[in-house]
Amino acid sequence: MRTEGLVAAAFTPMRPNGDVDLDAVPPLVEHLIREGVTGIFCNGTTGEGELLTPEERKATTAAFVSSASGRLPVFVQVGANSVRVAMELATHAAEIGADAIATTPPSYFRPATVPDLLECLKQVAAVAPDLPLYYYHLPVFTGVRLDMAEVMRGAGETVPGFAGIKFSEVAPKTFAACTEIGGDRHEVMWGSDETLLTGLGAGANAAIGSTYCFAARVYREVMAAHAAGDLETAKLWQDRAARMVEIQGRRGGLSALKATMQLVGADCGPVRLPLRTPSPAAIEELRGELEGIGFFDWARP
């Protein structure tokens, strides 16, 4: 499996009472297809995967796979603090026809060494031997800060089905080293939306991100300009993305990102505690700031 373009880290739709809204998944998938993304990544950070129960994660996975119907590959994030839970979710993803799995490391009791991490990956891979497995490197959340080049090399040699890394750290030298180690066998996908141009310069062919759910056009322009050698245009579009993300980060991060879906007509509902859903007034203020930078003019398809 080789990925190119923009993979949307999908939100998990929720009802006003906080229950998962499976009925909202099919229209969300249609929205993502209209945005022009090349894949869907569900139950990750954007999807509040760690705030869902295992049964909710299974139901959400099944809804995305069914709704995509083979039109887009569906990557399923199965990582959990319990490797046994990750194995259970990986088994389910394989059974219902997901295209790939990704896993964060346990982050309460963390793997202290690369061999410890590789053993976790081996156990998850073993229960879904026909699915590509990606390691989800997100040290700012997991606290696991191991040598990714060593992980890339070791996983490529010892973890069956290892496909590569979702690299969510702005560390272009390490990213480039991992890309070189992976070669044609294993891929490294960039995981920081507002620095995509940096990732492209370090060798990225694909990226996974939350803002691709509502601003994929911006990043396609970045990629197209970079491919054409037009760095001035690439920087112009990347700067627009950075201004958009700065506003959303200042207004609540993931909560504001999910609220933006409401503003573009693809409402995914509230977030779960300990995240806080913005008030209607706060959402209108967010709308005003995004209008102020021209978001609704240049970000929409």
C-alpha atoms as a PDB file:
ATOM      1  CA  MET A   1       0.000   0.000   0.000  1.00  0.00           C
ATOM      2  CA  ARG A   2       1.417   3.371  -1.033  1.00  0.00           C
ATOM      3  CA  THR A   3      -0.287   6.625  -0.086  1.00  0.00           C
ATOM      4  CA  GLU A   4      -0.179   9.963  -1.883  1.00  0.00           C
ATOM      5  CA  GLY A   5      -1.962  13.220  -1.300  1.00  0.00           C
ATOM      6  CA  LEU A   6      -4.041  14.235   1.709  1.00  0.00           C
ATOM      7  CA  VAL A   7      -5.564  11.782   4.172  1.00  0.00           C
ATOM      8  CA  ALA A   8      -8.258  13.401   6.306  1.00  0.00           C
ATOM      9  CA  ALA A   9      -8.033  12.743  10.037  1.00  0.00           C
ATOM     10  CA  ALA A  10     -11.783  12.464  10.477  1.00  0.00           C
ATOM     11  CA  PHE A  11     -13.857  13.850  13.309  1.00  0.00           C
ATOM     12  CA  THR A  12     -16.165  11.483  15.156  1.00  0.00           C
ATOM     13  CA  PRO A  13     -19.698  12.891  14.830  1.00  0.00           C
ATOM     14  CA  MET A  14     -21.540  13.206  18.134  1.00  0.00           C
ATOM     15  CA  ARG A  15     -25.066  14.047  19.196  1.00  0.00           C
ATOM     16  CA  PRO A  16     -25.756  17.002  21.515  1.00  0.00           C
ATOM     17  CA  ASN A  17     -25.720  14.630  24.528  1.00  0.00           C
ATOM     18  CA  GLY A  18     -22.261  13.339  23.616  1.00  0.00           C
ATOM     19  CA  ASP A  19     -23.295   9.981  22.159  1.00  0.00           C
ATOM     20  CA  VAL A  20     -21.570   8.917  18.950  1.00  0.00           C
ATOM     21  CA  ASP A  21     -23.773   9.786  15.980  1.00  0.00           C
ATOM     22  CA  LEU A  22     -23.281   6.952  13.506  1.00  0.00           C
ATOM     23  CA  ASP A  23     -26.018   8.343  11.249  1.00  0.00           C
ATOM     24  CA  ALA A  24     -23.820  11.357  10.580  1.00  0.00           C
ATOM     25  CA  VAL A  25     -20.894   9.299   9.287  1.00  0.00           C
ATOM     26  CA  PRO A  26     -22.182   8.693   5.725  1.00  0.00           C
ATOM     27  CA  PRO A  27     -22.763  12.412   4.990  1.00  0.00           C
ATOM     28  CA  LEU A  28     -19.374  13.182   6.561  1.00  0.00           C
ATOM     29  CA  VAL A  29     -17.692  10.712   4.208  1.00  0.00           C
ATOM     30  CA  GLU A  30     -19.454  12.313   1.230  1.00  0.00           C
ATOM     31  CA  HIS A  31     -18.220  15.708   2.433  1.00  0.00           C
ATOM     32  CA  LEU A  32     -14.638  14.412   2.610  1.00  0.00           C
ATOM     33  CA  ILE A  33     -14.887  12.988  -0.887  1.00  0.00           C
ATOM     34  CA  ARG A  34     -16.052  16.379  -2.148  1.00  0.00           C
ATOM     35  CA  GLU A  35     -13.082  17.968  -0.387  1.00  0.00           C
ATOM     36  CA  GLY A  36     -10.850  15.811  -2.578  1.00  0.00           C
ATOM     37  CA  VAL A  37      -8.907  13.899   0.081  1.00  0.00           C
ATOM     38  CA  THR A  38      -7.244  10.599  -0.801  1.00  0.00           C
ATOM     39  CA  GLY A  39      -8.044   8.655   2.375  1.00  0.00           C
ATOM     40  CA  ILE A  40      -9.710   8.707   5.788  1.00  0.00           C
ATOM     41  CA  PHE A  41      -7.988   8.229   9.145  1.00  0.00           C
ATOM     42  CA  CYS A  42     -10.540   7.455  11.854  1.00  0.00           C
ATOM     43  CA  ASN A  43     -10.408   7.214  15.657  1.00  0.00           C
ATOM     44  CA  GLY A  44      -7.211   9.209  15.851  1.00  0.00           C
ATOM     45  CA  THR A  45      -6.563  12.382  17.826  1.00  0.00           C
ATOM     46  CA  THR A  46      -8.995  14.388  15.699  1.00  0.00           C
ATOM     47  CA  GLY A  47     -11.587  11.629  16.105  1.00  0.00           C
ATOM     48  CA  GLU A  48     -11.211  11.702  19.910  1.00  0.00           C
ATOM     49  CA  GLY A  49     -10.378   8.014  19.774  1.00  0.00           C
ATOM     50  CA  GLU A  50      -8.973   7.910  23.288  1.00  0.00           C
ATOM     51  CA  LEU A  51     -12.226   9.408  24.606  1.00  0.00           C
ATOM     52  CA  LEU A  52     -14.344   6.644  23.051  1.00  0.00           C
ATOM     53  CA  THR A  53     -15.038   3.230  24.511  1.00  0.00           C
ATOM     54  CA  PRO A  54     -13.681   0.216  22.577  1.00  0.00           C
ATOM     55  CA  GLU A  55     -17.220  -0.640  21.453  1.00  0.00           C
ATOM     56  CA  GLU A  56     -17.765   2.918  20.216  1.00  0.00           C
ATOM     57  CA  ARG A  57     -14.484   2.771  18.333  1.00  0.00           C
ATOM     58  CA  LYS A  58     -15.545  -0.469  16.649  1.00  0.00           C
ATOM     59  CA  ALA A  59     -18.912   0.980  15.670  1.00  0.00           C
ATOM     60  CA  THR A  60     -17.306   4.145  14.316  1.00  0.00           C
ATOM     61  CA  THR A  61     -14.764   2.131  12.331  1.00  0.00           C
ATOM     62  CA  ALA A  62     -17.498   0.001  10.797  1.00  0.00           C
ATOM     63  CA  ALA A  63     -19.496   3.100   9.859  1.00  0.00           C
ATOM     64  CA  PHE A  64     -16.547   4.732   8.081  1.00  0.00           C
ATOM     65  CA  VAL A  65     -15.572   1.542   6.234  1.00  0.00           C
ATOM     66  CA  SER A  66     -19.158   0.935   5.138  1.00  0.00           C
ATOM     67  CA  SER A  67     -19.698   4.533   4.069  1.00  0.00           C
ATOM     68  CA  ALA A  68     -16.424   4.717   2.132  1.00  0.00           C
ATOM     69  CA  SER A  69     -17.386   1.530   0.234  1.00  0.00           C
ATOM     70  CA  GLY A  70     -13.917   1.172  -1.217  1.00  0.00           C
ATOM     71  CA  ARG A  71     -13.902   4.673  -2.743  1.00  0.00           C
ATOM     72  CA  LEU A  72     -11.259   5.832  -0.274  1.00  0.00           C
ATOM     73  CA  PRO A  73      -8.917   3.759   1.873  1.00  0.00           C
ATOM     74  CA  VAL A  74      -9.802   3.837   5.569  1.00  0.00           C
ATOM     75  CA  PHE A  75      -6.951   3.848   8.097  1.00  0.00           C
ATOM     76  CA  VAL A  76      -8.049   2.876  11.608  1.00  0.00           C
ATOM     77  CA  GLN A  77      -6.197   4.105  14.690  1.00  0.00           C
ATOM     78  CA  VAL A  78      -6.255   1.208  17.178  1.00  0.00           C
ATOM     79  CA  GLY A  79      -3.709   2.348  19.770  1.00  0.00           C
ATOM     80  CA  ALA A  80      -4.620   2.233  23.454  1.00  0.00           C
ATOM     81  CA  ASN A  81      -2.958   2.176  26.840  1.00  0.00           C
ATOM     82  CA  SER A  82      -3.655  -1.556  26.894  1.00  0.00           C
ATOM     83  CA  VAL A  83      -1.944  -3.488  24.108  1.00  0.00           C
ATOM     84  CA  ARG A  84      -4.717  -6.083  24.531  1.00  0.00           C
ATOM     85  CA  VAL A  85      -7.320  -3.441  23.674  1.00  0.00           C
ATOM     86  CA  ALA A  86      -5.252  -2.379  20.654  1.00  0.00           C
ATOM     87  CA  MET A  87      -5.152  -6.026  19.544  1.00  0.00           C
ATOM     88  CA  GLU A  88      -8.929  -6.304  19.942  1.00  0.00           C
ATOM     89  CA  LEU A  89      -9.484  -3.185  17.839  1.00  0.00           C
ATOM     90  CA  ALA A  90      -7.005  -4.354  15.209  1.00  0.00           C
ATOM     91  CA  THR A  91      -8.759  -7.707  14.962  1.00  0.00           C
ATOM     92  CA  HIS A  92     -12.079  -5.932  14.451  1.00  0.00           C
ATOM     93  CA  ALA A  93     -10.630  -3.574  11.824  1.00  0.00           C
ATOM     94  CA  ALA A  94      -9.409  -6.574   9.842  1.00  0.00           C
ATOM     95  CA  GLU A  95     -12.735  -8.371  10.150  1.00  0.00           C
ATOM     96  CA  ILE A  96     -14.837  -5.492   8.830  1.00  0.00           C
ATOM     97  CA  GLY A  97     -12.604  -4.658   5.867  1.00  0.00           C
ATOM     98  CA  ALA A  98     -10.495  -1.660   6.876  1.00  0.00           C
ATOM     99  CA  ASP A  99      -7.586  -0.914   4.572  1.00  0.00           C
ATOM    100  CA  ALA A 100      -4.876  -0.290   7.174  1.00  0.00           C
ATOM    101  CA  ILE A 101      -4.321   0.160  10.890  1.00  0.00           C
ATOM    102  CA  ALA A 102      -2.208   2.613  12.842  1.00  0.00           C
ATOM    103  CA  THR A 103      -1.278   2.484  16.477  1.00  0.00           C
ATOM    104  CA  THR A 104      -0.040   4.917  19.061  1.00  0.00           C
ATOM    105  CA  PRO A 105       2.125   3.436  21.815  1.00  0.00           C
ATOM    106  CA  PRO A 106       0.810   2.892  25.334  1.00  0.00           C
ATOM    107  CA  SER A 107       1.211   6.285  26.997  1.00  0.00           C
ATOM    108  CA  TYR A 108       0.443   5.695  30.699  1.00  0.00           C
ATOM    109  CA  PHE A 109       3.005   2.931  31.151  1.00  0.00           C
ATOM    110  CA  ARG A 110       5.214   3.845  28.210  1.00  0.00           C
ATOM    111  CA  PRO A 111       7.664   1.688  26.267  1.00  0.00           C
ATOM    112  CA  ALA A 112      11.054   2.829  27.532  1.00  0.00           C
ATOM    113  CA  THR A 113      13.162   1.419  24.698  1.00  0.00           C
ATOM    114  CA  VAL A 114      12.828   0.789  20.987  1.00  0.00           C
ATOM    115  CA  PRO A 115      12.726  -3.020  21.537  1.00  0.00           C
ATOM    116  CA  ASP A 116       9.855  -2.507  24.002  1.00  0.00           C
ATOM    117  CA  LEU A 117       7.935  -0.485  21.413  1.00  0.00           C
ATOM    118  CA  LEU A 118       8.659  -2.993  18.666  1.00  0.00           C
ATOM    119  CA  GLU A 119       7.267  -5.793  20.816  1.00  0.00           C
ATOM    120  CA  CYS A 120       4.024  -3.826  21.203  1.00  0.00           C
ATOM    121  CA  LEU A 121       3.832  -3.333  17.445  1.00  0.00           C
ATOM    122  CA  LYS A 122       4.500  -7.025  16.806  1.00  0.00           C
ATOM    123  CA  GLN A 123       1.620  -8.098  19.018  1.00  0.00           C
ATOM    124  CA  VAL A 124      -0.817  -5.713  17.329  1.00  0.00           C
ATOM    125  CA  ALA A 125       0.389  -6.710  13.858  1.00  0.00           C
ATOM    126  CA  ALA A 126       0.051 -10.410  14.650  1.00  0.00           C
ATOM    127  CA  VAL A 127      -3.743 -10.277  15.007  1.00  0.00           C
ATOM    128  CA  ALA A 128      -4.245  -8.440  11.696  1.00  0.00           C
ATOM    129  CA  PRO A 129      -1.579 -10.023   9.473  1.00  0.00           C
ATOM    130  CA  ASP A 130      -3.202  -8.951   6.208  1.00  0.00           C
ATOM    131  CA  LEU A 131      -3.412  -5.248   7.078  1.00  0.00           C
ATOM    132  CA  PRO A 132      -0.603  -2.710   6.684  1.00  0.00           C
ATOM    133  CA  LEU A 133       0.381  -1.321  10.089  1.00  0.00           C
ATOM    134  CA  TYR A 134       1.633   2.212  10.702  1.00  0.00           C
ATOM    135  CA  TYR A 135       3.250   3.493  13.855  1.00  0.00           C
ATOM    136  CA  TYR A 136       1.611   6.749  14.957  1.00  0.00           C
ATOM    137  CA  HIS A 137       4.404   8.968  16.264  1.00  0.00           C
ATOM    138  CA  LEU A 138       2.816  11.744  18.352  1.00  0.00           C
ATOM    139  CA  PRO A 139       5.252  12.507  21.178  1.00  0.00           C
ATOM    140  CA  VAL A 140       3.539  15.704  22.352  1.00  0.00           C
ATOM    141  CA  PHE A 141       0.539  13.566  23.381  1.00  0.00           C
ATOM    142  CA  THR A 142       2.057  10.161  24.156  1.00  0.00           C
ATOM    143  CA  GLY A 143       5.306  11.270  25.786  1.00  0.00           C
ATOM    144  CA  VAL A 144       7.128   8.514  23.885  1.00  0.00           C
ATOM    145  CA  ARG A 145      10.243  10.130  22.392  1.00  0.00           C
ATOM    146  CA  LEU A 146      12.292   7.295  20.984  1.00  0.00           C
ATOM    147  CA  ASP A 147      14.669   7.420  18.021  1.00  0.00           C
ATOM    148  CA  MET A 148      12.316   7.225  15.033  1.00  0.00           C
ATOM    149  CA  ALA A 149      15.075   6.252  12.628  1.00  0.00           C
ATOM    150  CA  GLU A 150      15.843   3.282  14.875  1.00  0.00           C
ATOM    151  CA  VAL A 151      12.129   2.453  15.084  1.00  0.00           C
ATOM    152  CA  MET A 152      11.807   2.656  11.298  1.00  0.00           C
ATOM    153  CA  ARG A 153      14.766   0.370  10.784  1.00  0.00           C
ATOM    154  CA  GLY A 154      13.789  -2.115  13.496  1.00  0.00           C
ATOM    155  CA  ALA A 155      10.100  -2.292  12.582  1.00  0.00           C
ATOM    156  CA  GLY A 156      10.934  -2.757   8.925  1.00  0.00           C
ATOM    157  CA  GLU A 157      13.041  -5.764   9.819  1.00  0.00           C
ATOM    158  CA  THR A 158      10.978  -7.390  12.567  1.00  0.00           C
ATOM    159  CA  VAL A 159       7.305  -6.305  12.496  1.00  0.00           C
ATOM    160  CA  PRO A 160       5.217  -8.264   9.960  1.00  0.00           C
ATOM    161  CA  GLY A 161       3.056  -5.977   7.844  1.00  0.00           C
ATOM    162  CA  PHE A 162       4.849  -2.821   8.953  1.00  0.00           C
ATOM    163  CA  ALA A 163       4.020  -0.105   6.408  1.00  0.00           C
ATOM    164  CA  GLY A 164       5.580   3.032   7.869  1.00  0.00           C
ATOM    165  CA  ILE A 165       5.032   5.941  10.244  1.00  0.00           C
ATOM    166  CA  LYS A 166       2.459   8.680  10.676  1.00  0.00           C
ATOM    167  CA  PHE A 167       5.000  11.296  11.713  1.00  0.00           C
ATOM    168  CA  SER A 168       3.313  13.984  13.826  1.00  0.00           C
ATOM    169  CA  GLU A 169       6.345  15.912  14.984  1.00  0.00           C
ATOM    170  CA  VAL A 170       7.992  18.877  13.279  1.00  0.00           C
ATOM    171  CA  ALA A 171      11.430  17.309  12.984  1.00  0.00           C
ATOM    172  CA  PRO A 172      12.309  17.423   9.272  1.00  0.00           C
ATOM    173  CA  LYS A 173      15.813  15.957   9.612  1.00  0.00           C
ATOM    174  CA  THR A 174      14.507  12.896  11.431  1.00  0.00           C
ATOM    175  CA  PHE A 175      11.618  12.649   8.983  1.00  0.00           C
ATOM    176  CA  ALA A 176      14.021  12.717   6.048  1.00  0.00           C
ATOM    177  CA  ALA A 177      16.179  10.043   7.683  1.00  0.00           C
ATOM    178  CA  CYS A 178      13.129   7.812   8.169  1.00  0.00           C
ATOM    179  CA  THR A 179      12.085   8.373   4.550  1.00  0.00           C
ATOM    180  CA  GLU A 180      15.534   7.327   3.374  1.00  0.00           C
ATOM    181  CA  ILE A 181      15.469   4.204   5.563  1.00  0.00           C
ATOM    182  CA  GLY A 182      11.984   3.322   4.352  1.00  0.00           C
ATOM    183  CA  GLY A 183      12.889   3.637   0.694  1.00  0.00           C
ATOM    184  CA  ASP A 184      10.338   1.989  -1.569  1.00  0.00           C
ATOM    185  CA  ARG A 185       9.200  -0.484   1.106  1.00  0.00           C
ATOM    186  CA  HIS A 186       7.902   1.728   3.895  1.00  0.00           C
ATOM    187  CA  GLU A 187       6.418   5.222   3.825  1.00  0.00           C
ATOM    188  CA  VAL A 188       6.469   8.156   6.212  1.00  0.00           C
ATOM    189  CA  MET A 189       3.439  10.447   6.198  1.00  0.00           C
ATOM    190  CA  TRP A 190       3.683  14.035   7.433  1.00  0.00           C
ATOM    191  CA  GLY A 191       1.344  14.810  10.331  1.00  0.00           C
ATOM    192  CA  SER A 192       1.551  18.575  10.918  1.00  0.00           C
ATOM    193  CA  ASP A 193      -0.890  20.508   8.728  1.00  0.00           C
ATOM    194  CA  GLU A 194       0.472  23.992   9.273  1.00  0.00           C
ATOM    195  CA  THR A 195       4.000  22.879   8.282  1.00  0.00           C
ATOM    196  CA  LEU A 196       3.164  20.684   5.292  1.00  0.00           C
ATOM    197  CA  LEU A 197       5.591  22.583   3.070  1.00  0.00           C
ATOM    198  CA  THR A 198       8.377  21.663   5.478  1.00  0.00           C
ATOM    199  CA  GLY A 199       7.353  18.013   5.182  1.00  0.00           C
ATOM    200  CA  LEU A 200       7.332  18.166   1.400  1.00  0.00           C
ATOM    201  CA  GLY A 201      10.835  19.572   1.485  1.00  0.00           C
ATOM    202  CA  ALA A 202      11.880  16.631   3.668  1.00  0.00           C
ATOM    203  CA  GLY A 203      10.508  14.121   1.187  1.00  0.00           C
ATOM    204  CA  ALA A 204       6.838  13.605   2.078  1.00  0.00           C
ATOM    205  CA  ASN A 205       4.482  12.290  -0.598  1.00  0.00           C
ATOM    206  CA  ALA A 206       1.444  12.084   1.671  1.00  0.00           C
ATOM    207  CA  ALA A 207       0.116  13.750   4.790  1.00  0.00           C
ATOM    208  CA  ILE A 208      -2.539  13.044   7.402  1.00  0.00           C
ATOM    209  CA  GLY A 209      -4.282  15.951   9.094  1.00  0.00           C
ATOM    210  CA  SER A 210      -7.445  17.296  10.643  1.00  0.00           C
ATOM    211  CA  THR A 211      -7.759  20.550   8.689  1.00  0.00           C
ATOM    212  CA  TYR A 212      -7.863  18.571   5.438  1.00  0.00           C
ATOM    213  CA  CYS A 213     -11.480  17.878   6.474  1.00  0.00           C
ATOM    214  CA  PHE A 214     -12.440  21.453   5.603  1.00  0.00           C
ATOM    215  CA  ALA A 215      -9.467  23.062   3.841  1.00  0.00           C
ATOM    216  CA  ALA A 216      -7.995  20.371   1.610  1.00  0.00           C
ATOM    217  CA  ARG A 217      -7.936  22.841  -1.258  1.00  0.00           C
ATOM    218  CA  VAL A 218      -5.327  24.936   0.543  1.00  0.00           C
ATOM    219  CA  TYR A 219      -2.958  22.024   0.934  1.00  0.00           C
ATOM    220  CA  ARG A 220      -3.484  20.756  -2.597  1.00  0.00           C
ATOM    221  CA  GLU A 221      -2.320  24.188  -3.742  1.00  0.00           C
ATOM    222  CA  VAL A 222       0.743  23.872  -1.500  1.00  0.00           C
ATOM    223  CA  MET A 223       1.566  20.452  -2.953  1.00  0.00           C
ATOM    224  CA  ALA A 224       0.960  21.490  -6.548  1.00  0.00           C
ATOM    225  CA  ALA A 225       3.102  24.614  -6.256  1.00  0.00           C
ATOM    226  CA  HIS A 226       5.883  22.688  -4.538  1.00  0.00           C
ATOM    227  CA  ALA A 227       5.841  20.026  -7.246  1.00  0.00           C
ATOM    228  CA  ALA A 228       6.088  22.764  -9.882  1.00  0.00           C
ATOM    229  CA  GLY A 229       9.039  24.362  -8.118  1.00  0.00           C
ATOM    230  CA  ASP A 230       7.004  27.513  -7.399  1.00  0.00           C
ATOM    231  CA  LEU A 231       8.003  28.054  -3.782  1.00  0.00           C
ATOM    232  CA  GLU A 232       6.587  31.585  -3.656  1.00  0.00           C
ATOM    233  CA  THR A 233       3.072  30.317  -4.373  1.00  0.00           C
ATOM    234  CA  ALA A 234       3.559  27.323  -2.079  1.00  0.00           C
ATOM    235  CA  LYS A 235       4.538  29.644   0.771  1.00  0.00           C
ATOM    236  CA  LEU A 236       1.535  31.895   0.102  1.00  0.00           C
ATOM    237  CA  TRP A 237      -0.885  28.968   0.536  1.00  0.00           C
ATOM    238  CA  GLN A 238       1.022  27.544   3.476  1.00  0.00           C
ATOM    239  CA  ASP A 239       0.886  30.921   5.198  1.00  0.00           C
ATOM    240  CA  ARG A 240      -2.887  30.932   4.769  1.00  0.00           C
ATOM    241  CA  ALA A 241      -3.043  27.520   6.420  1.00  0.00           C
ATOM    242  CA  ALA A 242      -0.823  28.688   9.265  1.00  0.00           C
ATOM    243  CA  ARG A 243      -3.037  31.723   9.943  1.00  0.00           C
ATOM    244  CA  MET A 244      -6.133  29.509   9.956  1.00  0.00           C
ATOM    245  CA  VAL A 245      -4.566  27.009  12.354  1.00  0.00           C
ATOM    246  CA  GLU A 246      -3.301  29.791  14.634  1.00  0.00           C
ATOM    247  CA  ILE A 247      -6.841  31.107  15.057  1.00  0.00           C
ATOM    248  CA  GLN A 248      -8.225  27.646  15.740  1.00  0.00           C
ATOM    249  CA  GLY A 249      -5.447  26.831  18.171  1.00  0.00           C
ATOM    250  CA  ARG A 250      -6.017  30.030  20.091  1.00  0.00           C
ATOM    251  CA  ARG A 251      -9.760  29.337  20.236  1.00  0.00           C
ATOM    252  CA  GLY A 252      -9.581  25.856  21.689  1.00  0.00           C
ATOM    253  CA  GLY A 253      -7.599  23.616  19.372  1.00  0.00           C
ATOM    254  CA  LEU A 254      -9.548  20.468  18.567  1.00  0.00           C
ATOM    255  CA  SER A 255     -12.760  22.025  19.882  1.00  0.00           C
ATOM    256  CA  ALA A 256     -12.419  24.909  17.420  1.00  0.00           C
ATOM    257  CA  LEU A 257     -11.470  22.555  14.595  1.00  0.00           C
ATOM    258  CA  LYS A 258     -14.646  20.568  15.157  1.00  0.00           C
ATOM    259  CA  ALA A 259     -16.647  23.795  15.363  1.00  0.00           C
ATOM    260  CA  THR A 260     -15.230  24.789  11.980  1.00  0.00           C
ATOM    261  CA  MET A 261     -16.946  21.746  10.497  1.00  0.00           C
ATOM    262  CA  GLN A 262     -20.232  23.273  11.608  1.00  0.00           C
ATOM    263  CA  LEU A 263     -19.287  26.545   9.920  1.00  0.00           C
ATOM    264  CA  VAL A 264     -18.653  24.801   6.574  1.00  0.00           C
ATOM    265  CA  GLY A 265     -21.942  22.891   6.711  1.00  0.00           C
ATOM    266  CA  ALA A 266     -20.681  19.498   7.873  1.00  0.00           C
ATOM    267  CA  ASP A 267     -21.662  19.636  11.550  1.00  0.00           C
ATOM    268  CA  CYS A 268     -19.997  16.893  13.610  1.00  0.00           C
ATOM    269  CA  GLY A 269     -21.472  17.970  16.938  1.00  0.00           C
ATOM    270  CA  PRO A 270     -19.735  18.603  20.262  1.00  0.00           C
ATOM    271  CA  VAL A 271     -16.511  17.281  21.747  1.00  0.00           C
ATOM    272  CA  ARG A 272     -16.225  15.095  24.843  1.00  0.00           C
ATOM    273  CA  LEU A 273     -14.834  15.981  28.229  1.00  0.00           C
ATOM    274  CA  PRO A 274     -12.244  16.950  29.229  1.00  0.00           C
ATOM    275  CA  LEU A 275     -12.439  18.930  25.982  1.00  0.00           C
ATOM    276  CA  ARG A 276     -14.928  21.781  26.064  1.00  0.00           C
ATOM    277  CA  THR A 277     -17.415  22.565  23.290  1.00  0.00           C
ATOM    278  CA  PRO A 278     -17.411  26.264  22.319  1.00  0.00           C
ATOM    279  CA  SER A 279     -20.545  28.246  23.083  1.00  0.00           C
ATOM    280  CA  PRO A 280     -22.663  29.541  20.175  1.00  0.00           C
ATOM    281  CA  ALA A 281     -21.209  32.993  20.808  1.00  0.00           C
ATOM    282  CA  ALA A 282     -17.655  31.632  20.694  1.00  0.00           C
ATOM    283  CA  ILE A 283     -18.407  29.850  17.423  1.00  0.00           C
ATOM    284  CA  GLU A 284     -19.648  33.098  15.925  1.00  0.00           C
ATOM    285  CA  GLU A 285     -16.456  34.814  17.066  1.00  0.00           C
ATOM    286  CA  LEU A 286     -14.489  32.009  15.402  1.00  0.00           C
ATOM    287  CA  ARG A 287     -16.504  32.573  12.221  1.00  0.00           C
ATOM    288  CA  GLY A 288     -15.665  36.274  12.356  1.00  0.00           C
ATOM    289  CA  GLU A 289     -11.928  35.650  12.696  1.00  0.00           C
ATOM    290  CA  LEU A 290     -11.920  33.128   9.861  1.00  0.00           C
ATOM    291  CA  GLU A 291     -13.862  35.539   7.666  1.00  0.00           C
ATOM    292  CA  GLY A 292     -11.280  38.180   8.523  1.00  0.00           C
ATOM    293  CA  ILE A 293      -8.481  36.165   6.909  1.00  0.00           C
ATOM    294  CA  GLY A 294     -10.595  35.173   3.898  1.00  0.00           C
ATOM    295  CA  PHE A 295     -10.953  31.522   4.917  1.00  0.00           C
ATOM    296  CA  PHE A 296     -14.394  31.070   3.371  1.00  0.00           C
ATOM    297  CA  ASP A 297     -13.139  32.497   0.068  1.00  0.00           C
ATOM    298  CA  TRP A 298      -9.859  30.629  -0.399  1.00  0.00           C
ATOM    299  CA  ALA A 299     -10.277  27.430   1.618  1.00  0.00           C
ATOM    300  CA  ARG A 300     -13.485  26.059   0.182  1.00  0.00           C
ATOM    301  CA  PRO A 301     -13.557  23.823  -2.929  1.00  0.00           C
END
